[in-house]
């Protein structure tokens, strides 16, 4: 189902829905990354791997929080000119981040269940 984005109220509603999903997916990514690292897997993102290696997992948490905050503030300004971006951008980010968290969960399952 593709939501209608004809009115400012519809845009505001769907923006909140997708931001909530993006924040939830980001939390799932944080938790699954932590568990992945604790069972011996390696971080695939070289930037995040370097960040965690140099400064610890708390730096990754701060990195995620900064990224979410920056994206939200940027979209507030961009949304003044292109209101539908307030919906499309967090929707895309939520989908991609959910895939990352799901991939982490699959890798964790492979290690714990299949002992790979």
PDB file of N, CA and C in Angstrom:
ATOM      1  N   UNK A   1       0.822  -1.174   0.000  1.00  0.00           N
ATOM      2  CA  UNK A   1       0.000   0.000   0.000  1.00  0.00           C
ATOM      3  C   UNK A   1       0.871   1.243   0.000  1.00  0.00           C
ATOM      4  N   UNK A   2       0.646   2.110  -0.921  1.00  0.00           N
ATOM      5  CA  UNK A   2       1.364   3.372  -0.983  1.00  0.00           C
ATOM      6  C   UNK A   2       0.458   4.441  -0.383  1.00  0.00           C
ATOM      7  N   UNK A   3       0.923   5.098   0.682  1.00  0.00           N
ATOM      8  CA  UNK A   3       0.058   6.080   1.329  1.00  0.00           C
ATOM      9  C   UNK A   3      -0.122   7.326   0.475  1.00  0.00           C
ATOM     10  N   UNK A   4      -1.264   7.958   0.655  1.00  0.00           N
ATOM     11  CA  UNK A   4      -1.497   9.221  -0.025  1.00  0.00           C
ATOM     12  C   UNK A   4      -0.752  10.317   0.726  1.00  0.00           C
ATOM     13  N   UNK A   5      -0.111  11.169  -0.028  1.00  0.00           N
ATOM     14  CA  UNK A   5       0.643  12.275   0.555  1.00  0.00           C
ATOM     15  C   UNK A   5       0.164  13.581  -0.064  1.00  0.00           C
ATOM     16  N   UNK A   6      -1.138  13.781  -0.028  1.00  0.00           N
ATOM     17  CA  UNK A   6      -1.723  14.948  -0.677  1.00  0.00           C
ATOM     18  C   UNK A   6      -1.810  16.160   0.236  1.00  0.00           C
ATOM     19  N   UNK A   7      -1.896  15.935   1.538  1.00  0.00           N
ATOM     20  CA  UNK A   7      -2.065  17.048   2.471  1.00  0.00           C
ATOM     21  C   UNK A   7      -0.900  17.099   3.445  1.00  0.00           C
ATOM     22  N   UNK A   8      -0.664  18.253   4.056  1.00  0.00           N
ATOM     23  CA  UNK A   8       0.397  18.344   5.073  1.00  0.00           C
ATOM     24  C   UNK A   8       0.168  17.388   6.246  1.00  0.00           C
ATOM     25  N   UNK A   9      -1.091  17.129   6.573  1.00  0.00           N
ATOM     26  CA  UNK A   9      -1.380  16.208   7.680  1.00  0.00           C
ATOM     27  C   UNK A   9      -0.972  14.781   7.333  1.00  0.00           C
ATOM     28  N   UNK A  10      -1.228  14.371   6.090  1.00  0.00           N
ATOM     29  CA  UNK A  10      -0.829  13.031   5.659  1.00  0.00           C
ATOM     30  C   UNK A  10       0.692  12.906   5.642  1.00  0.00           C
ATOM     31  N   UNK A  11       1.362  13.931   5.156  1.00  0.00           N
ATOM     32  CA  UNK A  11       2.826  13.922   5.132  1.00  0.00           C
ATOM     33  C   UNK A  11       3.369  13.843   6.558  1.00  0.00           C
ATOM     34  N   UNK A  12       2.817  14.631   7.462  1.00  0.00           N
ATOM     35  CA  UNK A  12       3.276  14.620   8.855  1.00  0.00           C
ATOM     36  C   UNK A  12       3.051  13.249   9.499  1.00  0.00           C
ATOM     37  N   UNK A  13       1.879  12.666   9.257  1.00  0.00           N
ATOM     38  CA  UNK A  13       1.571  11.359   9.838  1.00  0.00           C
ATOM     39  C   UNK A  13       2.555  10.297   9.357  1.00  0.00           C
ATOM     40  N   UNK A  14       2.714  10.178   8.038  1.00  0.00           N
ATOM     41  CA  UNK A  14       3.586   9.139   7.491  1.00  0.00           C
ATOM     42  C   UNK A  14       5.050   9.407   7.799  1.00  0.00           C
ATOM     43  N   UNK A  15       5.406  10.651   7.936  1.00  0.00           N
ATOM     44  CA  UNK A  15       6.772  10.974   8.356  1.00  0.00           C
ATOM     45  C   UNK A  15       7.036  10.423   9.757  1.00  0.00           C
ATOM     46  N   UNK A  16       6.098  10.640  10.669  1.00  0.00           N
ATOM     47  CA  UNK A  16       6.255  10.111  12.034  1.00  0.00           C
ATOM     48  C   UNK A  16       6.302   8.589  12.039  1.00  0.00           C
ATOM     49  N   UNK A  17       5.466   7.959  11.228  1.00  0.00           N
ATOM     50  CA  UNK A  17       5.459   6.492  11.157  1.00  0.00           C
ATOM     51  C   UNK A  17       6.820   5.973  10.706  1.00  0.00           C
ATOM     52  N   UNK A  18       7.348   6.538   9.619  1.00  0.00           N
ATOM     53  CA  UNK A  18       8.619   6.049   9.088  1.00  0.00           C
ATOM     54  C   UNK A  18       9.796   6.405   9.987  1.00  0.00           C
ATOM     55  N   UNK A  19       9.740   7.558  10.645  1.00  0.00           N
ATOM     56  CA  UNK A  19      10.814   7.878  11.591  1.00  0.00           C
ATOM     57  C   UNK A  19      10.807   6.892  12.755  1.00  0.00           C
ATOM     58  N   UNK A  20       9.648   6.542  13.242  1.00  0.00           N
ATOM     59  CA  UNK A  20       9.574   5.553  14.322  1.00  0.00           C
ATOM     60  C   UNK A  20      10.147   4.216  13.861  1.00  0.00           C
ATOM     61  N   UNK A  21       9.831   3.825  12.643  1.00  0.00           N
ATOM     62  CA  UNK A  21      10.360   2.568  12.109  1.00  0.00           C
ATOM     63  C   UNK A  21      11.877   2.655  11.915  1.00  0.00           C
ATOM     64  N   UNK A  22      12.357   3.805  11.462  1.00  0.00           N
ATOM     65  CA  UNK A  22      13.800   3.994  11.276  1.00  0.00           C
ATOM     66  C   UNK A  22      14.530   3.937  12.614  1.00  0.00           C
ATOM     67  N   UNK A  23      13.984   4.560  13.634  1.00  0.00           N
ATOM     68  CA  UNK A  23      14.609   4.527  14.959  1.00  0.00           C
ATOM     69  C   UNK A  23      14.591   3.100  15.505  1.00  0.00           C
ATOM     70  N   UNK A  24      13.476   2.398  15.321  1.00  0.00           N
ATOM     71  CA  UNK A  24      13.405   0.999  15.752  1.00  0.00           C
ATOM     72  C   UNK A  24      14.406   0.118  15.025  1.00  0.00           C
ATOM     73  N   UNK A  25      14.531   0.323  13.732  1.00  0.00           N
ATOM     74  CA  UNK A  25      15.500  -0.456  12.947  1.00  0.00           C
ATOM     75  C   UNK A  25      16.926  -0.119  13.369  1.00  0.00           C
ATOM     76  N   UNK A  26      17.174   1.132  13.700  1.00  0.00           N
ATOM     77  CA  UNK A  26      18.510   1.531  14.152  1.00  0.00           C
ATOM     78  C   UNK A  26      18.844   0.890  15.492  1.00  0.00           C
ATOM     79  N   UNK A  27      17.865   0.816  16.382  1.00  0.00           N
ATOM     80  CA  UNK A  27      18.083   0.122  17.651  1.00  0.00           C
ATOM     81  C   UNK A  27      18.337  -1.364  17.426  1.00  0.00           C
ATOM     82  N   UNK A  28      17.587  -1.958  16.511  1.00  0.00           N
ATOM     83  CA  UNK A  28      17.804  -3.373  16.184  1.00  0.00           C
ATOM     84  C   UNK A  28      19.204  -3.574  15.604  1.00  0.00           C
ATOM     85  N   UNK A  29      19.654  -2.632  14.787  1.00  0.00           N
ATOM     86  CA  UNK A  29      21.006  -2.711  14.227  1.00  0.00           C
ATOM     87  C   UNK A  29      22.051  -2.605  15.332  1.00  0.00           C
ATOM     88  N   UNK A  30      21.868  -1.678  16.262  1.00  0.00           N
ATOM     89  CA  UNK A  30      22.815  -1.539  17.378  1.00  0.00           C
ATOM     90  C   UNK A  30      22.895  -2.828  18.199  1.00  0.00           C
ATOM     91  N   UNK A  31      21.733  -3.348  18.555  1.00  0.00           N
ATOM     92  CA  UNK A  31      21.707  -4.557  19.383  1.00  0.00           C
ATOM     93  C   UNK A  31      22.288  -5.749  18.635  1.00  0.00           C
ATOM     94  N   UNK A  32      21.894  -5.910  17.377  1.00  0.00           N
ATOM     95  CA  UNK A  32      22.399  -7.058  16.618  1.00  0.00           C
ATOM     96  C   UNK A  32      23.887  -6.926  16.320  1.00  0.00           C
ATOM     97  N   UNK A  33      24.368  -5.707  16.153  1.00  0.00           N
ATOM     98  CA  UNK A  33      25.814  -5.515  15.966  1.00  0.00           C
ATOM     99  C   UNK A  33      26.557  -5.885  17.244  1.00  0.00           C
ATOM    100  N   UNK A  34      26.038  -5.452  18.369  1.00  0.00           N
ATOM    101  CA  UNK A  34      26.670  -5.784  19.654  1.00  0.00           C
ATOM    102  C   UNK A  34      26.731  -7.298  19.859  1.00  0.00           C
ATOM    103  N   UNK A  35      25.614  -7.964  19.608  1.00  0.00           N
ATOM    104  CA  UNK A  35      25.571  -9.424  19.771  1.00  0.00           C
ATOM    105  C   UNK A  35      26.502 -10.091  18.761  1.00  0.00           C
ATOM    106  N   UNK A  36      26.504  -9.590  17.530  1.00  0.00           N
ATOM    107  CA  UNK A  36      27.392 -10.154  16.501  1.00  0.00           C
ATOM    108  C   UNK A  36      28.847 -10.098  16.935  1.00  0.00           C
ATOM    109  N   UNK A  37      29.246  -8.952  17.436  1.00  0.00           N
ATOM    110  CA  UNK A  37      30.635  -8.797  17.873  1.00  0.00           C
ATOM    111  C   UNK A  37      30.938  -9.688  19.078  1.00  0.00           C
ATOM    112  N   UNK A  38      29.943  -9.872  19.953  1.00  0.00           N
ATOM    113  CA  UNK A  38      30.176 -10.687  21.147  1.00  0.00           C
ATOM    114  C   UNK A  38      30.272 -12.177  20.837  1.00  0.00           C
ATOM    115  N   UNK A  39      29.710 -12.615  19.696  1.00  0.00           N
ATOM    116  CA  UNK A  39      29.830 -14.036  19.334  1.00  0.00           C
ATOM    117  C   UNK A  39      30.989 -14.283  18.372  1.00  0.00           C
ATOM    118  N   UNK A  40      31.776 -13.228  18.114  1.00  0.00           N
ATOM    119  CA  UNK A  40      32.981 -13.409  17.322  1.00  0.00           C
ATOM    120  C   UNK A  40      32.917 -12.981  15.874  1.00  0.00           C
ATOM    121  N   UNK A  41      31.799 -12.431  15.451  1.00  0.00           N
ATOM    122  CA  UNK A  41      31.715 -11.942  14.071  1.00  0.00           C
ATOM    123  C   UNK A  41      32.430 -10.601  13.958  1.00  0.00           C
ATOM    124  N   UNK A  42      32.733 -10.212  12.743  1.00  0.00           N
ATOM    125  CA  UNK A  42      33.405  -8.945  12.497  1.00  0.00           C
ATOM    126  C   UNK A  42      32.431  -7.967  11.856  1.00  0.00           C
ATOM    127  N   UNK A  43      32.629  -6.688  12.138  1.00  0.00           N
ATOM    128  CA  UNK A  43      31.820  -5.635  11.524  1.00  0.00           C
ATOM    129  C   UNK A  43      32.203  -5.511  10.056  1.00  0.00           C
ATOM    130  N   UNK A  44      31.210  -5.519   9.172  1.00  0.00           N
ATOM    131  CA  UNK A  44      31.464  -5.466   7.730  1.00  0.00           C
ATOM    132  C   UNK A  44      31.706  -4.050   7.221  1.00  0.00           C
ATOM    133  N   UNK A  45      31.127  -3.052   7.880  1.00  0.00           N
ATOM    134  CA  UNK A  45      31.306  -1.665   7.467  1.00  0.00           C
ATOM    135  C   UNK A  45      32.670  -1.186   7.959  1.00  0.00           C
ATOM    136  N   UNK A  46      33.591  -0.845   7.044  1.00  0.00           N
ATOM    137  CA  UNK A  46      34.944  -0.485   7.479  1.00  0.00           C
ATOM    138  C   UNK A  46      34.989   0.762   8.370  1.00  0.00           C
ATOM    139  N   UNK A  47      34.118   1.724   8.120  1.00  0.00           N
ATOM    140  CA  UNK A  47      34.086   2.928   8.952  1.00  0.00           C
ATOM    141  C   UNK A  47      33.653   2.586  10.374  1.00  0.00           C
ATOM    142  N   UNK A  48      32.597   1.822  10.500  1.00  0.00           N
ATOM    143  CA  UNK A  48      32.102   1.429  11.816  1.00  0.00           C
ATOM    144  C   UNK A  48      33.104   0.512  12.508  1.00  0.00           C
ATOM    145  N   UNK A  49      33.726  -0.387  11.756  1.00  0.00           N
ATOM    146  CA  UNK A  49      34.728  -1.281  12.340  1.00  0.00           C
ATOM    147  C   UNK A  49      35.889  -0.480  12.920  1.00  0.00           C
ATOM    148  N   UNK A  50      36.365   0.511  12.180  1.00  0.00           N
ATOM    149  CA  UNK A  50      37.464   1.357  12.670  1.00  0.00           C
ATOM    150  C   UNK A  50      37.023   2.156  13.889  1.00  0.00           C
ATOM    151  N   UNK A  51      35.820   2.653  13.865  1.00  0.00           N
ATOM    152  CA  UNK A  51      35.283   3.431  14.985  1.00  0.00           C
ATOM    153  C   UNK A  51      35.199   2.577  16.246  1.00  0.00           C
ATOM    154  N   UNK A  52      34.650   1.386  16.118  1.00  0.00           N
ATOM    155  CA  UNK A  52      34.530   0.498  17.269  1.00  0.00           C
ATOM    156  C   UNK A  52      35.903   0.054  17.751  1.00  0.00           C
ATOM    157  N   UNK A  53      36.782  -0.266  16.835  1.00  0.00           N
ATOM    158  CA  UNK A  53      38.129  -0.716  17.215  1.00  0.00           C
ATOM    159  C   UNK A  53      38.892   0.387  17.941  1.00  0.00           C
ATOM    160  N   UNK A  54      38.766   1.617  17.468  1.00  0.00           N
ATOM    161  CA  UNK A  54      39.527   2.721  18.052  1.00  0.00           C
ATOM    162  C   UNK A  54      38.923   3.269  19.342  1.00  0.00           C
ATOM    163  N   UNK A  55      37.596   3.342  19.405  1.00  0.00           N
ATOM    164  CA  UNK A  55      36.964   4.051  20.515  1.00  0.00           C
ATOM    165  C   UNK A  55      35.945   3.227  21.299  1.00  0.00           C
ATOM    166  N   UNK A  56      35.680   2.011  20.863  1.00  0.00           N
ATOM    167  CA  UNK A  56      34.740   1.163  21.581  1.00  0.00           C
ATOM    168  C   UNK A  56      33.321   1.262  21.037  1.00  0.00           C
ATOM    169  N   UNK A  57      32.474   0.401  21.554  1.00  0.00           N
ATOM    170  CA  UNK A  57      31.103   0.307  21.051  1.00  0.00           C
ATOM    171  C   UNK A  57      30.291   1.554  21.376  1.00  0.00           C
ATOM    172  N   UNK A  58      30.616   2.229  22.467  1.00  0.00           N
ATOM    173  CA  UNK A  58      29.895   3.465  22.810  1.00  0.00           C
ATOM    174  C   UNK A  58      30.040   4.513  21.713  1.00  0.00           C
ATOM    175  N   UNK A  59      31.163   4.518  21.044  1.00  0.00           N
ATOM    176  CA  UNK A  59      31.359   5.460  19.936  1.00  0.00           C
ATOM    177  C   UNK A  59      30.395   5.145  18.797  1.00  0.00           C
ATOM    178  N   UNK A  60      30.113   3.876  18.586  1.00  0.00           N
ATOM    179  CA  UNK A  60      29.147   3.492  17.555  1.00  0.00           C
ATOM    180  C   UNK A  60      27.748   3.971  17.938  1.00  0.00           C
ATOM    181  N   UNK A  61      27.414   3.866  19.214  1.00  0.00           N
ATOM    182  CA  UNK A  61      26.119   4.362  19.687  1.00  0.00           C
ATOM    183  C   UNK A  61      26.019   5.871  19.443  1.00  0.00           C
ATOM    184  N   UNK A  62      27.062   6.602  19.782  1.00  0.00           N
ATOM    185  CA  UNK A  62      27.069   8.050  19.546  1.00  0.00           C
ATOM    186  C   UNK A  62      27.015   8.373  18.059  1.00  0.00           C
ATOM    187  N   UNK A  63      27.710   7.589  17.258  1.00  0.00           N
ATOM    188  CA  UNK A  63      27.701   7.770  15.802  1.00  0.00           C
ATOM    189  C   UNK A  63      26.279   7.609  15.255  1.00  0.00           C
ATOM    190  N   UNK A  64      25.577   6.571  15.711  1.00  0.00           N
ATOM    191  CA  UNK A  64      24.196   6.336  15.276  1.00  0.00           C
ATOM    192  C   UNK A  64      23.294   7.483  15.721  1.00  0.00           C
ATOM    193  N   UNK A  65      23.442   7.899  16.975  1.00  0.00           N
ATOM    194  CA  UNK A  65      22.606   8.984  17.502  1.00  0.00           C
ATOM    195  C   UNK A  65      22.866  10.282  16.732  1.00  0.00           C
ATOM    196  N   UNK A  66      24.123  10.570  16.455  1.00  0.00           N
ATOM    197  CA  UNK A  66      24.461  11.771  15.691  1.00  0.00           C
ATOM    198  C   UNK A  66      23.872  11.686  14.286  1.00  0.00           C
ATOM    199  N   UNK A  67      23.982  10.527  13.657  1.00  0.00           N
ATOM    200  CA  UNK A  67      23.442  10.347  12.310  1.00  0.00           C
ATOM    201  C   UNK A  67      21.932  10.545  12.261  1.00  0.00           C
ATOM    202  N   UNK A  68      21.225   9.982  13.227  1.00  0.00           N
ATOM    203  CA  UNK A  68      19.769  10.152  13.285  1.00  0.00           C
ATOM    204  C   UNK A  68      19.396  11.618  13.519  1.00  0.00           C
ATOM    205  N   UNK A  69      20.103  12.264  14.423  1.00  0.00           N
ATOM    206  CA  UNK A  69      19.830  13.676  14.719  1.00  0.00           C
ATOM    207  C   UNK A  69      20.116  14.556  13.513  1.00  0.00           C
ATOM    208  N   UNK A  70      21.252  14.336  12.884  1.00  0.00           N
ATOM    209  CA  UNK A  70      21.620  15.128  11.706  1.00  0.00           C
ATOM    210  C   UNK A  70      20.596  14.939  10.587  1.00  0.00           C
ATOM    211  N   UNK A  71      20.207  13.699  10.341  1.00  0.00           N
ATOM    212  CA  UNK A  71      19.232  13.424   9.278  1.00  0.00           C
ATOM    213  C   UNK A  71      17.900  14.098   9.574  1.00  0.00           C
ATOM    214  N   UNK A  72      17.470  14.048  10.820  1.00  0.00           N
ATOM    215  CA  UNK A  72      16.192  14.656  11.177  1.00  0.00           C
ATOM    216  C   UNK A  72      16.228  16.171  10.989  1.00  0.00           C
ATOM    217  N   UNK A  73      17.276  16.815  11.455  1.00  0.00           N
ATOM    218  CA  UNK A  73      17.398  18.273  11.318  1.00  0.00           C
ATOM    219  C   UNK A  73      17.512  18.666   9.852  1.00  0.00           C
ATOM    220  N   UNK A  74      18.306  17.923   9.100  1.00  0.00           N
ATOM    221  CA  UNK A  74      18.454  18.232   7.670  1.00  0.00           C
ATOM    222  C   UNK A  74      17.121  18.109   6.940  1.00  0.00           C
ATOM    223  N   UNK A  75      16.348  17.073   7.273  1.00  0.00           N
ATOM    224  CA  UNK A  75      15.064  16.884   6.596  1.00  0.00           C
ATOM    225  C   UNK A  75      14.024  17.922   7.009  1.00  0.00           C
ATOM    226  N   UNK A  76      14.171  18.487   8.191  1.00  0.00           N
ATOM    227  CA  UNK A  76      13.269  19.582   8.569  1.00  0.00           C
ATOM    228  C   UNK A  76      13.448  20.761   7.618  1.00  0.00           C
ATOM    229  N   UNK A  77      14.698  21.044   7.292  1.00  0.00           N
ATOM    230  CA  UNK A  77      14.960  22.160   6.384  1.00  0.00           C
ATOM    231  C   UNK A  77      14.630  21.815   4.939  1.00  0.00           C
ATOM    232  N   UNK A  78      15.073  20.658   4.486  1.00  0.00           N
ATOM    233  CA  UNK A  78      14.802  20.252   3.108  1.00  0.00           C
ATOM    234  C   UNK A  78      13.305  20.064   2.896  1.00  0.00           C
ATOM    235  N   UNK A  79      12.614  19.600   3.919  1.00  0.00           N
ATOM    236  CA  UNK A  79      11.188  19.371   3.819  1.00  0.00           C
ATOM    237  C   UNK A  79      10.375  20.630   3.575  1.00  0.00           C
ATOM    238  N   UNK A  80      10.965  21.776   3.839  1.00  0.00           N
ATOM    239  CA  UNK A  80      10.266  23.027   3.542  1.00  0.00           C
ATOM    240  C   UNK A  80      10.081  23.200   2.041  1.00  0.00           C
ATOM    241  N   UNK A  81      11.023  22.706   1.258  1.00  0.00           N
ATOM    242  CA  UNK A  81      10.961  22.853  -0.199  1.00  0.00           C
ATOM    243  C   UNK A  81      10.395  21.609  -0.881  1.00  0.00           C
ATOM    244  N   UNK A  82      10.697  20.476  -0.335  1.00  0.00           N
ATOM    245  CA  UNK A  82      10.221  19.192  -0.890  1.00  0.00           C
ATOM    246  C   UNK A  82       9.589  18.384   0.246  1.00  0.00           C
ATOM    247  N   UNK A  83       8.340  18.684   0.608  1.00  0.00           N
ATOM    248  CA  UNK A  83       7.718  18.048   1.780  1.00  0.00           C
ATOM    249  C   UNK A  83       7.692  16.520   1.744  1.00  0.00           C
ATOM    250  N   UNK A  84       7.537  15.937   0.572  1.00  0.00           N
ATOM    251  CA  UNK A  84       7.438  14.473   0.500  1.00  0.00           C
ATOM    252  C   UNK A  84       8.751  13.780   0.876  1.00  0.00           C
ATOM    253  N   UNK A  85       9.857  14.508   0.832  1.00  0.00           N
ATOM    254  CA  UNK A  85      11.126  13.926   1.283  1.00  0.00           C
ATOM    255  C   UNK A  85      11.086  13.594   2.765  1.00  0.00           C
ATOM    256  N   UNK A  86      10.222  14.275   3.517  1.00  0.00           N
ATOM    257  CA  UNK A  86      10.071  13.968   4.940  1.00  0.00           C
ATOM    258  C   UNK A  86       9.524  12.564   5.158  1.00  0.00           C
ATOM    259  N   UNK A  87       8.919  12.007   4.133  1.00  0.00           N
ATOM    260  CA  UNK A  87       8.399  10.641   4.208  1.00  0.00           C
ATOM    261  C   UNK A  87       9.337   9.671   3.494  1.00  0.00           C
ATOM    262  N   UNK A  88       9.727  10.006   2.281  1.00  0.00           N
ATOM    263  CA  UNK A  88      10.509   9.067   1.462  1.00  0.00           C
ATOM    264  C   UNK A  88      11.882   8.766   2.053  1.00  0.00           C
ATOM    265  N   UNK A  89      12.546   9.761   2.594  1.00  0.00           N
ATOM    266  CA  UNK A  89      13.902   9.536   3.109  1.00  0.00           C
ATOM    267  C   UNK A  89      13.911   8.614   4.330  1.00  0.00           C
ATOM    268  N   UNK A  90      13.106   8.882   5.372  1.00  0.00           N
ATOM    269  CA  UNK A  90      13.128   7.933   6.488  1.00  0.00           C
ATOM    270  C   UNK A  90      12.573   6.557   6.110  1.00  0.00           C
ATOM    271  N   UNK A  91      11.673   6.519   5.116  1.00  0.00           N
ATOM    272  CA  UNK A  91      11.163   5.224   4.664  1.00  0.00           C
ATOM    273  C   UNK A  91      12.290   4.391   4.061  1.00  0.00           C
ATOM    274  N   UNK A  92      13.054   5.004   3.182  1.00  0.00           N
ATOM    275  CA  UNK A  92      14.183   4.297   2.577  1.00  0.00           C
ATOM    276  C   UNK A  92      15.218   3.888   3.610  1.00  0.00           C
ATOM    277  N   UNK A  93      15.511   4.805   4.532  1.00  0.00           N
ATOM    278  CA  UNK A  93      16.496   4.503   5.576  1.00  0.00           C
ATOM    279  C   UNK A  93      16.006   3.384   6.483  1.00  0.00           C
ATOM    280  N   UNK A  94      14.717   3.377   6.804  1.00  0.00           N
ATOM    281  CA  UNK A  94      14.162   2.322   7.660  1.00  0.00           C
ATOM    282  C   UNK A  94      14.257   0.962   6.980  1.00  0.00           C
ATOM    283  N   UNK A  95      13.969   0.930   5.696  1.00  0.00           N
ATOM    284  CA  UNK A  95      14.029  -0.333   4.959  1.00  0.00           C
ATOM    285  C   UNK A  95      15.455  -0.862   4.902  1.00  0.00           C
ATOM    286  N   UNK A  96      16.399   0.006   4.549  1.00  0.00           N
ATOM    287  CA  UNK A  96      17.799  -0.419   4.452  1.00  0.00           C
ATOM    288  C   UNK A  96      18.337  -0.858   5.812  1.00  0.00           C
ATOM    289  N   UNK A  97      18.047  -0.088   6.852  1.00  0.00           N
ATOM    290  CA  UNK A  97      18.537  -0.424   8.189  1.00  0.00           C
ATOM    291  C   UNK A  97      17.902  -1.717   8.693  1.00  0.00           C
ATOM    292  N   UNK A  98      16.650  -1.958   8.340  1.00  0.00           N
ATOM    293  CA  UNK A  98      15.997  -3.220   8.712  1.00  0.00           C
ATOM    294  C   UNK A  98      16.678  -4.405   8.043  1.00  0.00           C
ATOM    295  N   UNK A  99      17.068  -4.231   6.802  1.00  0.00           N
ATOM    296  CA  UNK A  99      17.785  -5.297   6.089  1.00  0.00           C
ATOM    297  C   UNK A  99      19.125  -5.584   6.762  1.00  0.00           C
ATOM    298  N   UNK A 100      19.823  -4.534   7.175  1.00  0.00           N
ATOM    299  CA  UNK A 100      21.104  -4.701   7.874  1.00  0.00           C
ATOM    300  C   UNK A 100      20.888  -5.467   9.176  1.00  0.00           C
ATOM    301  N   UNK A 101      19.892  -5.073   9.960  1.00  0.00           N
ATOM    302  CA  UNK A 101      19.619  -5.754  11.225  1.00  0.00           C
ATOM    303  C   UNK A 101      19.222  -7.207  10.985  1.00  0.00           C
ATOM    304  N   UNK A 102      18.430  -7.456   9.953  1.00  0.00           N
ATOM    305  CA  UNK A 102      18.028  -8.830   9.634  1.00  0.00           C
ATOM    306  C   UNK A 102      19.244  -9.669   9.206  1.00  0.00           C
ATOM    307  N   UNK A 103      20.127  -9.068   8.432  1.00  0.00           N
ATOM    308  CA  UNK A 103      21.347  -9.770   8.021  1.00  0.00           C
ATOM    309  C   UNK A 103      22.194 -10.118   9.240  1.00  0.00           C
ATOM    310  N   UNK A 104      22.289  -9.176  10.178  1.00  0.00           N
ATOM    311  CA  UNK A 104      23.016  -9.459  11.424  1.00  0.00           C
ATOM    312  C   UNK A 104      22.373 -10.622  12.169  1.00  0.00           C
ATOM    313  N   UNK A 105      21.045 -10.619  12.245  1.00  0.00           N
ATOM    314  CA  UNK A 105      20.345 -11.691  12.955  1.00  0.00           C
ATOM    315  C   UNK A 105      20.576 -13.047  12.293  1.00  0.00           C
ATOM    316  N   UNK A 106      20.597 -13.064  10.984  1.00  0.00           N
ATOM    317  CA  UNK A 106      20.866 -14.314  10.264  1.00  0.00           C
ATOM    318  C   UNK A 106      22.284 -14.795  10.546  1.00  0.00           C
ATOM    319  N   UNK A 107      23.238 -13.870  10.537  1.00  0.00           N
ATOM    320  CA  UNK A 107      24.632 -14.252  10.818  1.00  0.00           C
ATOM    321  C   UNK A 107      24.778 -14.764  12.249  1.00  0.00           C
ATOM    322  N   UNK A 108      24.121 -14.114  13.188  1.00  0.00           N
ATOM    323  CA  UNK A 108      24.164 -14.566  14.584  1.00  0.00           C
ATOM    324  C   UNK A 108      23.558 -15.968  14.695  1.00  0.00           C
ATOM    325  N   UNK A 109      22.444 -16.190  14.028  1.00  0.00           N
ATOM    326  CA  UNK A 109      21.808 -17.508  14.055  1.00  0.00           C
ATOM    327  C   UNK A 109      22.722 -18.575  13.466  1.00  0.00           C
ATOM    328  N   UNK A 110      23.417 -18.230  12.401  1.00  0.00           N
ATOM    329  CA  UNK A 110      24.329 -19.193  11.785  1.00  0.00           C
ATOM    330  C   UNK A 110      25.440 -19.586  12.741  1.00  0.00           C
ATOM    331  N   UNK A 111      25.924 -18.617  13.500  1.00  0.00           N
ATOM    332  CA  UNK A 111      27.001 -18.916  14.441  1.00  0.00           C
ATOM    333  C   UNK A 111      26.472 -19.717  15.619  1.00  0.00           C
ATOM    334  N   UNK A 112      25.358 -19.290  16.183  1.00  0.00           N
ATOM    335  CA  UNK A 112      24.854 -19.932  17.408  1.00  0.00           C
ATOM    336  C   UNK A 112      24.183 -21.290  17.145  1.00  0.00           C
ATOM    337  N   UNK A 113      23.410 -21.371  16.076  1.00  0.00           N
ATOM    338  CA  UNK A 113      22.661 -22.595  15.817  1.00  0.00           C
ATOM    339  C   UNK A 113      23.464 -23.607  15.010  1.00  0.00           C
ATOM    340  N   UNK A 114      24.074 -23.123  13.948  1.00  0.00           N
ATOM    341  CA  UNK A 114      24.798 -24.024  13.043  1.00  0.00           C
ATOM    342  C   UNK A 114      26.273 -24.146  13.373  1.00  0.00           C
ATOM    343  N   UNK A 115      26.738 -23.320  14.318  1.00  0.00           N
ATOM    344  CA  UNK A 115      28.141 -23.326  14.743  1.00  0.00           C
ATOM    345  C   UNK A 115      29.086 -23.109  13.557  1.00  0.00           C
ATOM    346  N   UNK A 116      28.751 -22.139  12.710  1.00  0.00           N
ATOM    347  CA  UNK A 116      29.591 -21.832  11.547  1.00  0.00           C
ATOM    348  C   UNK A 116      30.691 -20.866  11.898  1.00  0.00           C
TER     349      UNK A 116
END
